[in-house]
Amino acid sequence: DVQLLFRTEKINDKWFIKNFESIYLQD
């Protein structure tokens, strides 16, 4: 079980992922 954390940015009127990381909860 995780939190997937995304930073996105609109570049030339289109959204892209700038950063992707995670917080781990349990397994």
mmCIF file of all heavy atoms, coordinates in Angstrom:
data_MODEL
# 
_entry.id   MODEL 
# 
loop_
_atom_site.group_PDB 
_atom_site.id 
_atom_site.type_symbol 
_atom_site.label_atom_id 
_atom_site.label_alt_id 
_atom_site.label_comp_id 
_atom_site.label_asym_id 
_atom_site.label_entity_id 
_atom_site.label_seq_id 
_atom_site.pdbx_PDB_ins_code 
_atom_site.Cartn_x 
_atom_site.Cartn_y 
_atom_site.Cartn_z 
_atom_site.occupancy 
_atom_site.B_iso_or_equiv 
_atom_site.pdbx_formal_charge 
_atom_site.auth_seq_id 
_atom_site.auth_comp_id 
_atom_site.auth_asym_id 
_atom_site.auth_atom_id 
_atom_site.pdbx_PDB_model_num 
ATOM 1   N N   . ASP A 1 1  ? 0.848  -1.195 0.000   1.00 0.00 ? 1  ASP A N   1 
ATOM 2   C CA  . ASP A 1 1  ? 0.000  0.000  0.000   1.00 0.00 ? 1  ASP A CA  1 
ATOM 3   C C   . ASP A 1 1  ? 0.880  1.239  0.000   1.00 0.00 ? 1  ASP A C   1 
ATOM 4   O O   . ASP A 1 1  ? 1.793  1.369  0.835   1.00 0.00 ? 1  ASP A O   1 
ATOM 5   C CB  . ASP A 1 1  ? -0.902 0.018  1.230   1.00 0.00 ? 1  ASP A CB  1 
ATOM 6   C CG  . ASP A 1 1  ? -1.891 -1.143 1.237   1.00 0.00 ? 1  ASP A CG  1 
ATOM 7   O OD1 . ASP A 1 1  ? -2.253 -1.614 0.142   1.00 0.00 ? 1  ASP A OD1 1 
ATOM 8   O OD2 . ASP A 1 1  ? -2.287 -1.577 2.333   1.00 0.00 ? 1  ASP A OD2 1 
ATOM 9   N N   . VAL A 1 2  ? 0.603  2.156  -0.921  1.00 0.00 ? 2  VAL A N   1 
ATOM 10  C CA  . VAL A 1 2  ? 1.446  3.343  -1.085  1.00 0.00 ? 2  VAL A CA  1 
ATOM 11  C C   . VAL A 1 2  ? 0.609  4.586  -1.375  1.00 0.00 ? 2  VAL A C   1 
ATOM 12  O O   . VAL A 1 2  ? -0.548 4.496  -1.781  1.00 0.00 ? 2  VAL A O   1 
ATOM 13  C CB  . VAL A 1 2  ? 2.451  3.162  -2.251  1.00 0.00 ? 2  VAL A CB  1 
ATOM 14  C CG1 . VAL A 1 2  ? 3.478  2.097  -1.943  1.00 0.00 ? 2  VAL A CG1 1 
ATOM 15  C CG2 . VAL A 1 2  ? 1.717  2.842  -3.561  1.00 0.00 ? 2  VAL A CG2 1 
ATOM 16  N N   . GLN A 1 3  ? 1.234  5.726  -1.148  1.00 0.00 ? 3  GLN A N   1 
ATOM 17  C CA  . GLN A 1 3  ? 0.768  6.978  -1.721  1.00 0.00 ? 3  GLN A CA  1 
ATOM 18  C C   . GLN A 1 3  ? 1.713  7.277  -2.877  1.00 0.00 ? 3  GLN A C   1 
ATOM 19  O O   . GLN A 1 3  ? 2.920  7.380  -2.678  1.00 0.00 ? 3  GLN A O   1 
ATOM 20  C CB  . GLN A 1 3  ? 0.828  8.124  -0.708  1.00 0.00 ? 3  GLN A CB  1 
ATOM 21  C CG  . GLN A 1 3  ? -0.205 8.076  0.384   1.00 0.00 ? 3  GLN A CG  1 
ATOM 22  C CD  . GLN A 1 3  ? -0.149 9.314  1.274   1.00 0.00 ? 3  GLN A CD  1 
ATOM 23  O OE1 . GLN A 1 3  ? 0.536  10.293 0.945   1.00 0.00 ? 3  GLN A OE1 1 
ATOM 24  N NE2 . GLN A 1 3  ? -0.863 9.278  2.370   1.00 0.00 ? 3  GLN A NE2 1 
ATOM 25  N N   . LEU A 1 4  ? 1.180  7.405  -4.070  1.00 0.00 ? 4  LEU A N   1 
ATOM 26  C CA  . LEU A 1 4  ? 1.973  7.797  -5.225  1.00 0.00 ? 4  LEU A CA  1 
ATOM 27  C C   . LEU A 1 4  ? 1.838  9.308  -5.377  1.00 0.00 ? 4  LEU A C   1 
ATOM 28  O O   . LEU A 1 4  ? 0.732  9.828  -5.503  1.00 0.00 ? 4  LEU A O   1 
ATOM 29  C CB  . LEU A 1 4  ? 1.490  7.082  -6.486  1.00 0.00 ? 4  LEU A CB  1 
ATOM 30  C CG  . LEU A 1 4  ? 1.468  5.546  -6.404  1.00 0.00 ? 4  LEU A CG  1 
ATOM 31  C CD1 . LEU A 1 4  ? 0.960  4.958  -7.716  1.00 0.00 ? 4  LEU A CD1 1 
ATOM 32  C CD2 . LEU A 1 4  ? 2.846  4.995  -6.065  1.00 0.00 ? 4  LEU A CD2 1 
ATOM 33  N N   . LEU A 1 5  ? 2.961  9.999  -5.343  1.00 0.00 ? 5  LEU A N   1 
ATOM 34  C CA  . LEU A 1 5  ? 2.965  11.457 -5.335  1.00 0.00 ? 5  LEU A CA  1 
ATOM 35  C C   . LEU A 1 5  ? 3.493  11.985 -6.660  1.00 0.00 ? 5  LEU A C   1 
ATOM 36  O O   . LEU A 1 5  ? 4.630  11.692 -7.042  1.00 0.00 ? 5  LEU A O   1 
ATOM 37  C CB  . LEU A 1 5  ? 3.843  11.969 -4.192  1.00 0.00 ? 5  LEU A CB  1 
ATOM 38  C CG  . LEU A 1 5  ? 3.577  11.325 -2.817  1.00 0.00 ? 5  LEU A CG  1 
ATOM 39  C CD1 . LEU A 1 5  ? 4.628  11.767 -1.826  1.00 0.00 ? 5  LEU A CD1 1 
ATOM 40  C CD2 . LEU A 1 5  ? 2.188  11.666 -2.326  1.00 0.00 ? 5  LEU A CD2 1 
ATOM 41  N N   . PHE A 1 6  ? 2.676  12.745 -7.346  1.00 0.00 ? 6  PHE A N   1 
ATOM 42  C CA  . PHE A 1 6  ? 3.041  13.278 -8.659  1.00 0.00 ? 6  PHE A CA  1 
ATOM 43  C C   . PHE A 1 6  ? 3.030  14.802 -8.641  1.00 0.00 ? 6  PHE A C   1 
ATOM 44  O O   . PHE A 1 6  ? 2.067  15.417 -8.174  1.00 0.00 ? 6  PHE A O   1 
ATOM 45  C CB  . PHE A 1 6  ? 2.058  12.817 -9.735  1.00 0.00 ? 6  PHE A CB  1 
ATOM 46  C CG  . PHE A 1 6  ? 2.038  11.332 -9.981  1.00 0.00 ? 6  PHE A CG  1 
ATOM 47  C CD1 . PHE A 1 6  ? 1.137  10.522 -9.308  1.00 0.00 ? 6  PHE A CD1 1 
ATOM 48  C CD2 . PHE A 1 6  ? 2.911  10.760 -10.889 1.00 0.00 ? 6  PHE A CD2 1 
ATOM 49  C CE1 . PHE A 1 6  ? 1.110  9.151  -9.545  1.00 0.00 ? 6  PHE A CE1 1 
ATOM 50  C CE2 . PHE A 1 6  ? 2.885  9.395  -11.138 1.00 0.00 ? 6  PHE A CE2 1 
ATOM 51  C CZ  . PHE A 1 6  ? 1.985  8.586  -10.453 1.00 0.00 ? 6  PHE A CZ  1 
ATOM 52  N N   . ARG A 1 7  ? 4.097  15.403 -9.162  1.00 0.00 ? 7  ARG A N   1 
ATOM 53  C CA  . ARG A 1 7  ? 4.077  16.823 -9.492  1.00 0.00 ? 7  ARG A CA  1 
ATOM 54  C C   . ARG A 1 7  ? 3.908  16.913 -11.005 1.00 0.00 ? 7  ARG A C   1 
ATOM 55  O O   . ARG A 1 7  ? 4.657  16.270 -11.755 1.00 0.00 ? 7  ARG A O   1 
ATOM 56  C CB  . ARG A 1 7  ? 5.384  17.508 -9.096  1.00 0.00 ? 7  ARG A CB  1 
ATOM 57  C CG  . ARG A 1 7  ? 5.751  17.394 -7.644  1.00 0.00 ? 7  ARG A CG  1 
ATOM 58  C CD  . ARG A 1 7  ? 7.028  18.174 -7.361  1.00 0.00 ? 7  ARG A CD  1 
ATOM 59  N NE  . ARG A 1 7  ? 7.825  17.522 -6.351  1.00 0.00 ? 7  ARG A NE  1 
ATOM 60  C CZ  . ARG A 1 7  ? 9.013  17.975 -5.947  1.00 0.00 ? 7  ARG A CZ  1 
ATOM 61  N NH1 . ARG A 1 7  ? 9.513  19.069 -6.496  1.00 0.00 ? 7  ARG A NH1 1 
ATOM 62  N NH2 . ARG A 1 7  ? 9.695  17.315 -5.032  1.00 0.00 ? 7  ARG A NH2 1 
ATOM 63  N N   . THR A 1 8  ? 2.938  17.660 -11.429 1.00 0.00 ? 8  THR A N   1 
ATOM 64  C CA  . THR A 1 8  ? 2.715  17.828 -12.873 1.00 0.00 ? 8  THR A CA  1 
ATOM 65  C C   . THR A 1 8  ? 2.767  19.302 -13.230 1.00 0.00 ? 8  THR A C   1 
ATOM 66  O O   . THR A 1 8  ? 2.509  20.173 -12.394 1.00 0.00 ? 8  THR A O   1 
ATOM 67  C CB  . THR A 1 8  ? 1.366  17.233 -13.305 1.00 0.00 ? 8  THR A CB  1 
ATOM 68  O OG1 . THR A 1 8  ? 0.312  17.788 -12.503 1.00 0.00 ? 8  THR A OG1 1 
ATOM 69  C CG2 . THR A 1 8  ? 1.364  15.720 -13.157 1.00 0.00 ? 8  THR A CG2 1 
ATOM 70  N N   . GLU A 1 9  ? 3.105  19.561 -14.472 1.00 0.00 ? 9  GLU A N   1 
ATOM 71  C CA  . GLU A 1 9  ? 3.208  20.943 -14.941 1.00 0.00 ? 9  GLU A CA  1 
ATOM 72  C C   . GLU A 1 9  ? 2.648  21.047 -16.355 1.00 0.00 ? 9  GLU A C   1 
ATOM 73  O O   . GLU A 1 9  ? 2.864  20.157 -17.181 1.00 0.00 ? 9  GLU A O   1 
ATOM 74  C CB  . GLU A 1 9  ? 4.666  21.407 -14.908 1.00 0.00 ? 9  GLU A CB  1 
ATOM 75  C CG  . GLU A 1 9  ? 4.842  22.893 -15.181 1.00 0.00 ? 9  GLU A CG  1 
ATOM 76  C CD  . GLU A 1 9  ? 6.241  23.373 -14.877 1.00 0.00 ? 9  GLU A CD  1 
ATOM 77  O OE1 . GLU A 1 9  ? 7.033  22.624 -14.249 1.00 0.00 ? 9  GLU A OE1 1 
ATOM 78  O OE2 . GLU A 1 9  ? 6.564  24.509 -15.272 1.00 0.00 ? 9  GLU A OE2 1 
ATOM 79  N N   . LYS A 1 10 ? 1.937  22.137 -16.612 1.00 0.00 ? 10 LYS A N   1 
ATOM 80  C CA  . LYS A 1 10 ? 1.403  22.365 -17.947 1.00 0.00 ? 10 LYS A CA  1 
ATOM 81  C C   . LYS A 1 10 ? 2.471  23.060 -18.789 1.00 0.00 ? 10 LYS A C   1 
ATOM 82  O O   . LYS A 1 10 ? 2.924  24.158 -18.469 1.00 0.00 ? 10 LYS A O   1 
ATOM 83  C CB  . LYS A 1 10 ? 0.139  23.214 -17.892 1.00 0.00 ? 10 LYS A CB  1 
ATOM 84  C CG  . LYS A 1 10 ? -0.518 23.403 -19.255 1.00 0.00 ? 10 LYS A CG  1 
ATOM 85  C CD  . LYS A 1 10 ? -1.736 24.301 -19.173 1.00 0.00 ? 10 LYS A CD  1 
ATOM 86  C CE  . LYS A 1 10 ? -2.977 23.525 -18.800 1.00 0.00 ? 10 LYS A CE  1 
ATOM 87  N NZ  . LYS A 1 10 ? -4.208 24.354 -18.948 1.00 0.00 ? 10 LYS A NZ  1 
ATOM 88  N N   . ILE A 1 11 ? 2.897  22.381 -19.841 1.00 0.00 ? 11 ILE A N   1 
ATOM 89  C CA  . ILE A 1 11 ? 3.944  22.885 -20.730 1.00 0.00 ? 11 ILE A CA  1 
ATOM 90  C C   . ILE A 1 11 ? 3.366  22.950 -22.144 1.00 0.00 ? 11 ILE A C   1 
ATOM 91  O O   . ILE A 1 11 ? 2.910  21.936 -22.675 1.00 0.00 ? 11 ILE A O   1 
ATOM 92  C CB  . ILE A 1 11 ? 5.179  21.972 -20.701 1.00 0.00 ? 11 ILE A CB  1 
ATOM 93  C CG1 . ILE A 1 11 ? 5.695  21.831 -19.262 1.00 0.00 ? 11 ILE A CG1 1 
ATOM 94  C CG2 . ILE A 1 11 ? 6.268  22.478 -21.629 1.00 0.00 ? 11 ILE A CG2 1 
ATOM 95  C CD1 . ILE A 1 11 ? 6.751  20.768 -19.091 1.00 0.00 ? 11 ILE A CD1 1 
ATOM 96  N N   . ASN A 1 12 ? 3.382  24.133 -22.728 1.00 0.00 ? 12 ASN A N   1 
ATOM 97  C CA  . ASN A 1 12 ? 2.790  24.318 -24.063 1.00 0.00 ? 12 ASN A CA  1 
ATOM 98  C C   . ASN A 1 12 ? 1.361  23.789 -24.112 1.00 0.00 ? 12 ASN A C   1 
ATOM 99  O O   . ASN A 1 12 ? 0.967  23.063 -25.024 1.00 0.00 ? 12 ASN A O   1 
ATOM 100 C CB  . ASN A 1 12 ? 3.651  23.656 -25.139 1.00 0.00 ? 12 ASN A CB  1 
ATOM 101 C CG  . ASN A 1 12 ? 5.024  24.289 -25.256 1.00 0.00 ? 12 ASN A CG  1 
ATOM 102 O OD1 . ASN A 1 12 ? 5.173  25.489 -25.069 1.00 0.00 ? 12 ASN A OD1 1 
ATOM 103 N ND2 . ASN A 1 12 ? 6.030  23.474 -25.559 1.00 0.00 ? 12 ASN A ND2 1 
ATOM 104 N N   . ASP A 1 13 ? 0.603  24.141 -23.055 1.00 0.00 ? 13 ASP A N   1 
ATOM 105 C CA  . ASP A 1 13 ? -0.823 23.825 -22.957 1.00 0.00 ? 13 ASP A CA  1 
ATOM 106 C C   . ASP A 1 13 ? -1.100 22.328 -22.806 1.00 0.00 ? 13 ASP A C   1 
ATOM 107 O O   . ASP A 1 13 ? -2.205 21.869 -23.112 1.00 0.00 ? 13 ASP A O   1 
ATOM 108 C CB  . ASP A 1 13 ? -1.583 24.372 -24.169 1.00 0.00 ? 13 ASP A CB  1 
ATOM 109 C CG  . ASP A 1 13 ? -3.045 24.664 -23.830 1.00 0.00 ? 13 ASP A CG  1 
ATOM 110 O OD1 . ASP A 1 13 ? -3.307 25.108 -22.694 1.00 0.00 ? 13 ASP A OD1 1 
ATOM 111 O OD2 . ASP A 1 13 ? -3.912 24.422 -24.686 1.00 0.00 ? 13 ASP A OD2 1 
ATOM 112 N N   . LYS A 1 14 ? -0.108 21.563 -22.332 1.00 0.00 ? 14 LYS A N   1 
ATOM 113 C CA  . LYS A 1 14 ? -0.295 20.131 -22.128 1.00 0.00 ? 14 LYS A CA  1 
ATOM 114 C C   . LYS A 1 14 ? 0.372  19.719 -20.827 1.00 0.00 ? 14 LYS A C   1 
ATOM 115 O O   . LYS A 1 14 ? 1.482  20.150 -20.520 1.00 0.00 ? 14 LYS A O   1 
ATOM 116 C CB  . LYS A 1 14 ? 0.318  19.357 -23.311 1.00 0.00 ? 14 LYS A CB  1 
ATOM 117 C CG  . LYS A 1 14 ? -0.038 17.873 -23.343 1.00 0.00 ? 14 LYS A CG  1 
ATOM 118 C CD  . LYS A 1 14 ? 0.468  17.246 -24.635 1.00 0.00 ? 14 LYS A CD  1 
ATOM 119 C CE  . LYS A 1 14 ? 0.074  15.786 -24.725 1.00 0.00 ? 14 LYS A CE  1 
ATOM 120 N NZ  . LYS A 1 14 ? 0.547  15.164 -26.000 1.00 0.00 ? 14 LYS A NZ  1 
ATOM 121 N N   . TRP A 1 15 ? -0.300 18.870 -20.021 1.00 0.00 ? 15 TRP A N   1 
ATOM 122 C CA  . TRP A 1 15 ? 0.217  18.460 -18.721 1.00 0.00 ? 15 TRP A CA  1 
ATOM 123 C C   . TRP A 1 15 ? 1.228  17.317 -18.865 1.00 0.00 ? 15 TRP A C   1 
ATOM 124 O O   . TRP A 1 15 ? 1.028  16.387 -19.640 1.00 0.00 ? 15 TRP A O   1 
ATOM 125 C CB  . TRP A 1 15 ? -0.914 18.030 -17.801 1.00 0.00 ? 15 TRP A CB  1 
ATOM 126 C CG  . TRP A 1 15 ? -1.749 19.173 -17.332 1.00 0.00 ? 15 TRP A CG  1 
ATOM 127 C CD1 . TRP A 1 15 ? -2.917 19.622 -17.873 1.00 0.00 ? 15 TRP A CD1 1 
ATOM 128 C CD2 . TRP A 1 15 ? -1.454 20.049 -16.239 1.00 0.00 ? 15 TRP A CD2 1 
ATOM 129 N NE1 . TRP A 1 15 ? -3.377 20.714 -17.187 1.00 0.00 ? 15 TRP A NE1 1 
ATOM 130 C CE2 . TRP A 1 15 ? -2.506 20.999 -16.177 1.00 0.00 ? 15 TRP A CE2 1 
ATOM 131 C CE3 . TRP A 1 15 ? -0.419 20.118 -15.303 1.00 0.00 ? 15 TRP A CE3 1 
ATOM 132 C CZ2 . TRP A 1 15 ? -2.536 21.997 -15.199 1.00 0.00 ? 15 TRP A CZ2 1 
ATOM 133 C CZ3 . TRP A 1 15 ? -0.453 21.124 -14.336 1.00 0.00 ? 15 TRP A CZ3 1 
ATOM 134 C CH2 . TRP A 1 15 ? -1.498 22.040 -14.292 1.00 0.00 ? 15 TRP A CH2 1 
ATOM 135 N N   . PHE A 1 16 ? 2.328  17.417 -18.090 1.00 0.00 ? 16 PHE A N   1 
ATOM 136 C CA  . PHE A 1 16 ? 3.357  16.389 -18.060 1.00 0.00 ? 16 PHE A CA  1 
ATOM 137 C C   . PHE A 1 16 ? 3.769  16.121 -16.613 1.00 0.00 ? 16 PHE A C   1 
ATOM 138 O O   . PHE A 1 16 ? 3.651  16.996 -15.754 1.00 0.00 ? 16 PHE A O   1 
ATOM 139 C CB  . PHE A 1 16 ? 4.602  16.828 -18.848 1.00 0.00 ? 16 PHE A CB  1 
ATOM 140 C CG  . PHE A 1 16 ? 4.407  16.939 -20.330 1.00 0.00 ? 16 PHE A CG  1 
ATOM 141 C CD1 . PHE A 1 16 ? 4.008  18.139 -20.903 1.00 0.00 ? 16 PHE A CD1 1 
ATOM 142 C CD2 . PHE A 1 16 ? 4.624  15.841 -21.159 1.00 0.00 ? 16 PHE A CD2 1 
ATOM 143 C CE1 . PHE A 1 16 ? 3.821  18.255 -22.268 1.00 0.00 ? 16 PHE A CE1 1 
ATOM 144 C CE2 . PHE A 1 16 ? 4.431  15.944 -22.527 1.00 0.00 ? 16 PHE A CE2 1 
ATOM 145 C CZ  . PHE A 1 16 ? 4.035  17.148 -23.082 1.00 0.00 ? 16 PHE A CZ  1 
ATOM 146 N N   . ILE A 1 17 ? 4.283  14.923 -16.366 1.00 0.00 ? 17 ILE A N   1 
ATOM 147 C CA  . ILE A 1 17 ? 4.800  14.579 -15.043 1.00 0.00 ? 17 ILE A CA  1 
ATOM 148 C C   . ILE A 1 17 ? 6.207  15.155 -14.903 1.00 0.00 ? 17 ILE A C   1 
ATOM 149 O O   . ILE A 1 17 ? 7.082  14.882 -15.718 1.00 0.00 ? 17 ILE A O   1 
ATOM 150 C CB  . ILE A 1 17 ? 4.834  13.052 -14.846 1.00 0.00 ? 17 ILE A CB  1 
ATOM 151 C CG1 . ILE A 1 17 ? 3.417  12.480 -14.921 1.00 0.00 ? 17 ILE A CG1 1 
ATOM 152 C CG2 . ILE A 1 17 ? 5.492  12.696 -13.504 1.00 0.00 ? 17 ILE A CG2 1 
ATOM 153 C CD1 . ILE A 1 17 ? 3.387  10.958 -14.975 1.00 0.00 ? 17 ILE A CD1 1 
ATOM 154 N N   . LYS A 1 18 ? 6.408  15.956 -13.844 1.00 0.00 ? 18 LYS A N   1 
ATOM 155 C CA  . LYS A 1 18 ? 7.721  16.520 -13.566 1.00 0.00 ? 18 LYS A CA  1 
ATOM 156 C C   . LYS A 1 18 ? 8.460  15.718 -12.493 1.00 0.00 ? 18 LYS A C   1 
ATOM 157 O O   . LYS A 1 18 ? 9.699  15.669 -12.488 1.00 0.00 ? 18 LYS A O   1 
ATOM 158 C CB  . LYS A 1 18 ? 7.578  17.967 -13.087 1.00 0.00 ? 18 LYS A CB  1 
ATOM 159 C CG  . LYS A 1 18 ? 7.085  18.927 -14.149 1.00 0.00 ? 18 LYS A CG  1 
ATOM 160 C CD  . LYS A 1 18 ? 8.216  19.367 -15.058 1.00 0.00 ? 18 LYS A CD  1 
ATOM 161 C CE  . LYS A 1 18 ? 9.146  20.314 -14.336 1.00 0.00 ? 18 LYS A CE  1 
ATOM 162 N NZ  . LYS A 1 18 ? 10.162 20.898 -15.253 1.00 0.00 ? 18 LYS A NZ  1 
ATOM 163 N N   . ASN A 1 19 ? 7.707  15.129 -11.581 1.00 0.00 ? 19 ASN A N   1 
ATOM 164 C CA  . ASN A 1 19 ? 8.322  14.388 -10.484 1.00 0.00 ? 19 ASN A CA  1 
ATOM 165 C C   . ASN A 1 19 ? 7.375  13.297 -10.008 1.00 0.00 ? 19 ASN A C   1 
ATOM 166 O O   . ASN A 1 19 ? 6.165  13.509 -9.947  1.00 0.00 ? 19 ASN A O   1 
ATOM 167 C CB  . ASN A 1 19 ? 8.659  15.348 -9.333  1.00 0.00 ? 19 ASN A CB  1 
ATOM 168 C CG  . ASN A 1 19 ? 9.424  14.682 -8.214  1.00 0.00 ? 19 ASN A CG  1 
ATOM 169 O OD1 . ASN A 1 19 ? 8.841  14.040 -7.356  1.00 0.00 ? 19 ASN A OD1 1 
ATOM 170 N ND2 . ASN A 1 19 ? 10.739 14.837 -8.203  1.00 0.00 ? 19 ASN A ND2 1 
ATOM 171 N N   . PHE A 1 20 ? 7.942  12.145 -9.681  1.00 0.00 ? 20 PHE A N   1 
ATOM 172 C CA  . PHE A 1 20 ? 7.158  11.012 -9.191  1.00 0.00 ? 20 PHE A CA  1 
ATOM 173 C C   . PHE A 1 20 ? 7.914  10.369 -8.035  1.00 0.00 ? 20 PHE A C   1 
ATOM 174 O O   . PHE A 1 20 ? 9.077  10.008 -8.177  1.00 0.00 ? 20 PHE A O   1 
ATOM 175 C CB  . PHE A 1 20 ? 6.932  10.015 -10.332 1.00 0.00 ? 20 PHE A CB  1 
ATOM 176 C CG  . PHE A 1 20 ? 6.341  8.691  -9.926  1.00 0.00 ? 20 PHE A CG  1 
ATOM 177 C CD1 . PHE A 1 20 ? 5.404  8.597  -8.910  1.00 0.00 ? 20 PHE A CD1 1 
ATOM 178 C CD2 . PHE A 1 20 ? 6.716  7.518  -10.572 1.00 0.00 ? 20 PHE A CD2 1 
ATOM 179 C CE1 . PHE A 1 20 ? 4.860  7.376  -8.535  1.00 0.00 ? 20 PHE A CE1 1 
ATOM 180 C CE2 . PHE A 1 20 ? 6.185  6.292  -10.216 1.00 0.00 ? 20 PHE A CE2 1 
ATOM 181 C CZ  . PHE A 1 20 ? 5.255  6.227  -9.199  1.00 0.00 ? 20 PHE A CZ  1 
ATOM 182 N N   . GLU A 1 21 ? 7.253  10.256 -6.884  1.00 0.00 ? 21 GLU A N   1 
ATOM 183 C CA  . GLU A 1 21 ? 7.847  9.613  -5.714  1.00 0.00 ? 21 GLU A CA  1 
ATOM 184 C C   . GLU A 1 21 ? 6.747  8.949  -4.901  1.00 0.00 ? 21 GLU A C   1 
ATOM 185 O O   . GLU A 1 21 ? 5.564  9.055  -5.241  1.00 0.00 ? 21 GLU A O   1 
ATOM 186 C CB  . GLU A 1 21 ? 8.624  10.637 -4.872  1.00 0.00 ? 21 GLU A CB  1 
ATOM 187 C CG  . GLU A 1 21 ? 7.827  11.869 -4.507  1.00 0.00 ? 21 GLU A CG  1 
ATOM 188 C CD  . GLU A 1 21 ? 8.718  13.040 -4.089  1.00 0.00 ? 21 GLU A CD  1 
ATOM 189 O OE1 . GLU A 1 21 ? 9.798  12.799 -3.515  1.00 0.00 ? 21 GLU A OE1 1 
ATOM 190 O OE2 . GLU A 1 21 ? 8.329  14.188 -4.337  1.00 0.00 ? 21 GLU A OE2 1 
ATOM 191 N N   . SER A 1 22 ? 7.120  8.266  -3.832  1.00 0.00 ? 22 SER A N   1 
ATOM 192 C CA  . SER A 1 22 ? 6.144  7.474  -3.089  1.00 0.00 ? 22 SER A CA  1 
ATOM 193 C C   . SER A 1 22 ? 6.332  7.624  -1.585  1.00 0.00 ? 22 SER A C   1 
ATOM 194 O O   . SER A 1 22 ? 7.430  7.909  -1.106  1.00 0.00 ? 22 SER A O   1 
ATOM 195 C CB  . SER A 1 22 ? 6.268  5.988  -3.448  1.00 0.00 ? 22 SER A CB  1 
ATOM 196 O OG  . SER A 1 22 ? 6.062  5.753  -4.821  1.00 0.00 ? 22 SER A OG  1 
ATOM 197 N N   . ILE A 1 23 ? 5.241  7.397  -0.863  1.00 0.00 ? 23 ILE A N   1 
ATOM 198 C CA  . ILE A 1 23 ? 5.272  7.205  0.582   1.00 0.00 ? 23 ILE A CA  1 
ATOM 199 C C   . ILE A 1 23 ? 4.736  5.804  0.840   1.00 0.00 ? 23 ILE A C   1 
ATOM 200 O O   . ILE A 1 23 ? 3.664  5.446  0.350   1.00 0.00 ? 23 ILE A O   1 
ATOM 201 C CB  . ILE A 1 23 ? 4.411  8.248  1.314   1.00 0.00 ? 23 ILE A CB  1 
ATOM 202 C CG1 . ILE A 1 23 ? 5.019  9.645  1.156   1.00 0.00 ? 23 ILE A CG1 1 
ATOM 203 C CG2 . ILE A 1 23 ? 4.278  7.900  2.792   1.00 0.00 ? 23 ILE A CG2 1 
ATOM 204 C CD1 . ILE A 1 23 ? 4.168  10.754 1.735   1.00 0.00 ? 23 ILE A CD1 1 
ATOM 205 N N   . TYR A 1 24 ? 5.474  5.019  1.587   1.00 0.00 ? 24 TYR A N   1 
ATOM 206 C CA  . TYR A 1 24 ? 5.112  3.623  1.816   1.00 0.00 ? 24 TYR A CA  1 
ATOM 207 C C   . TYR A 1 24 ? 4.325  3.497  3.124   1.00 0.00 ? 24 TYR A C   1 
ATOM 208 O O   . TYR A 1 24 ? 4.691  4.076  4.150   1.00 0.00 ? 24 TYR A O   1 
ATOM 209 C CB  . TYR A 1 24 ? 6.366  2.747  1.813   1.00 0.00 ? 24 TYR A CB  1 
ATOM 210 C CG  . TYR A 1 24 ? 6.972  2.701  0.425   1.00 0.00 ? 24 TYR A CG  1 
ATOM 211 C CD1 . TYR A 1 24 ? 7.818  3.707  -0.018  1.00 0.00 ? 24 TYR A CD1 1 
ATOM 212 C CD2 . TYR A 1 24 ? 6.616  1.697  -0.473  1.00 0.00 ? 24 TYR A CD2 1 
ATOM 213 C CE1 . TYR A 1 24 ? 8.323  3.710  -1.310  1.00 0.00 ? 24 TYR A CE1 1 
ATOM 214 C CE2 . TYR A 1 24 ? 7.113  1.692  -1.771  1.00 0.00 ? 24 TYR A CE2 1 
ATOM 215 C CZ  . TYR A 1 24 ? 7.966  2.705  -2.174  1.00 0.00 ? 24 TYR A CZ  1 
ATOM 216 O OH  . TYR A 1 24 ? 8.450  2.708  -3.455  1.00 0.00 ? 24 TYR A OH  1 
ATOM 217 N N   . LEU A 1 25 ? 3.239  2.738  3.071   1.00 0.00 ? 25 LEU A N   1 
ATOM 218 C CA  . LEU A 1 25 ? 2.302  2.639  4.184   1.00 0.00 ? 25 LEU A CA  1 
ATOM 219 C C   . LEU A 1 25 ? 2.426  1.300  4.910   1.00 0.00 ? 25 LEU A C   1 
ATOM 220 O O   . LEU A 1 25 ? 2.723  1.247  6.098   1.00 0.00 ? 25 LEU A O   1 
ATOM 221 C CB  . LEU A 1 25 ? 0.870  2.843  3.684   1.00 0.00 ? 25 LEU A CB  1 
ATOM 222 C CG  . LEU A 1 25 ? 0.647  4.107  2.839   1.00 0.00 ? 25 LEU A CG  1 
ATOM 223 C CD1 . LEU A 1 25 ? -0.793 4.168  2.345   1.00 0.00 ? 25 LEU A CD1 1 
ATOM 224 C CD2 . LEU A 1 25 ? 1.009  5.362  3.619   1.00 0.00 ? 25 LEU A CD2 1 
ATOM 225 N N   . GLN A 1 26 ? 2.194  0.213  4.191   1.00 0.00 ? 26 GLN A N   1 
ATOM 226 C CA  . GLN A 1 26 ? 2.280  -1.126 4.774   1.00 0.00 ? 26 GLN A CA  1 
ATOM 227 C C   . GLN A 1 26 ? 2.277  -2.142 3.640   1.00 0.00 ? 26 GLN A C   1 
ATOM 228 O O   . GLN A 1 26 ? 1.932  -1.822 2.504   1.00 0.00 ? 26 GLN A O   1 
ATOM 229 C CB  . GLN A 1 26 ? 1.095  -1.387 5.704   1.00 0.00 ? 26 GLN A CB  1 
ATOM 230 C CG  . GLN A 1 26 ? -0.256 -1.340 4.999   1.00 0.00 ? 26 GLN A CG  1 
ATOM 231 C CD  . GLN A 1 26 ? -1.431 -1.507 5.949   1.00 0.00 ? 26 GLN A CD  1 
ATOM 232 O OE1 . GLN A 1 26 ? -1.280 -1.571 7.156   1.00 0.00 ? 26 GLN A OE1 1 
ATOM 233 N NE2 . GLN A 1 26 ? -2.624 -1.591 5.387   1.00 0.00 ? 26 GLN A NE2 1 
ATOM 234 N N   . ASP A 1 27 ? 2.682  -3.376 3.967   1.00 0.00 ? 27 ASP A N   1 
ATOM 235 C CA  . ASP A 1 27 ? 2.613  -4.423 2.940   1.00 0.00 ? 27 ASP A CA  1 
ATOM 236 C C   . ASP A 1 27 ? 2.297  -5.775 3.559   1.00 0.00 ? 27 ASP A C   1 
ATOM 237 O O   . ASP A 1 27 ? 2.316  -5.954 4.783   1.00 0.00 ? 27 ASP A O   1 
ATOM 238 C CB  . ASP A 1 27 ? 3.897  -4.474 2.090   1.00 0.00 ? 27 ASP A CB  1 
ATOM 239 C CG  . ASP A 1 27 ? 5.158  -4.703 2.902   1.00 0.00 ? 27 ASP A CG  1 
ATOM 240 O OD1 . ASP A 1 27 ? 5.065  -4.958 4.113   1.00 0.00 ? 27 ASP A OD1 1 
ATOM 241 O OD2 . ASP A 1 27 ? 6.259  -4.632 2.317   1.00 0.00 ? 27 ASP A OD2 1 
# 
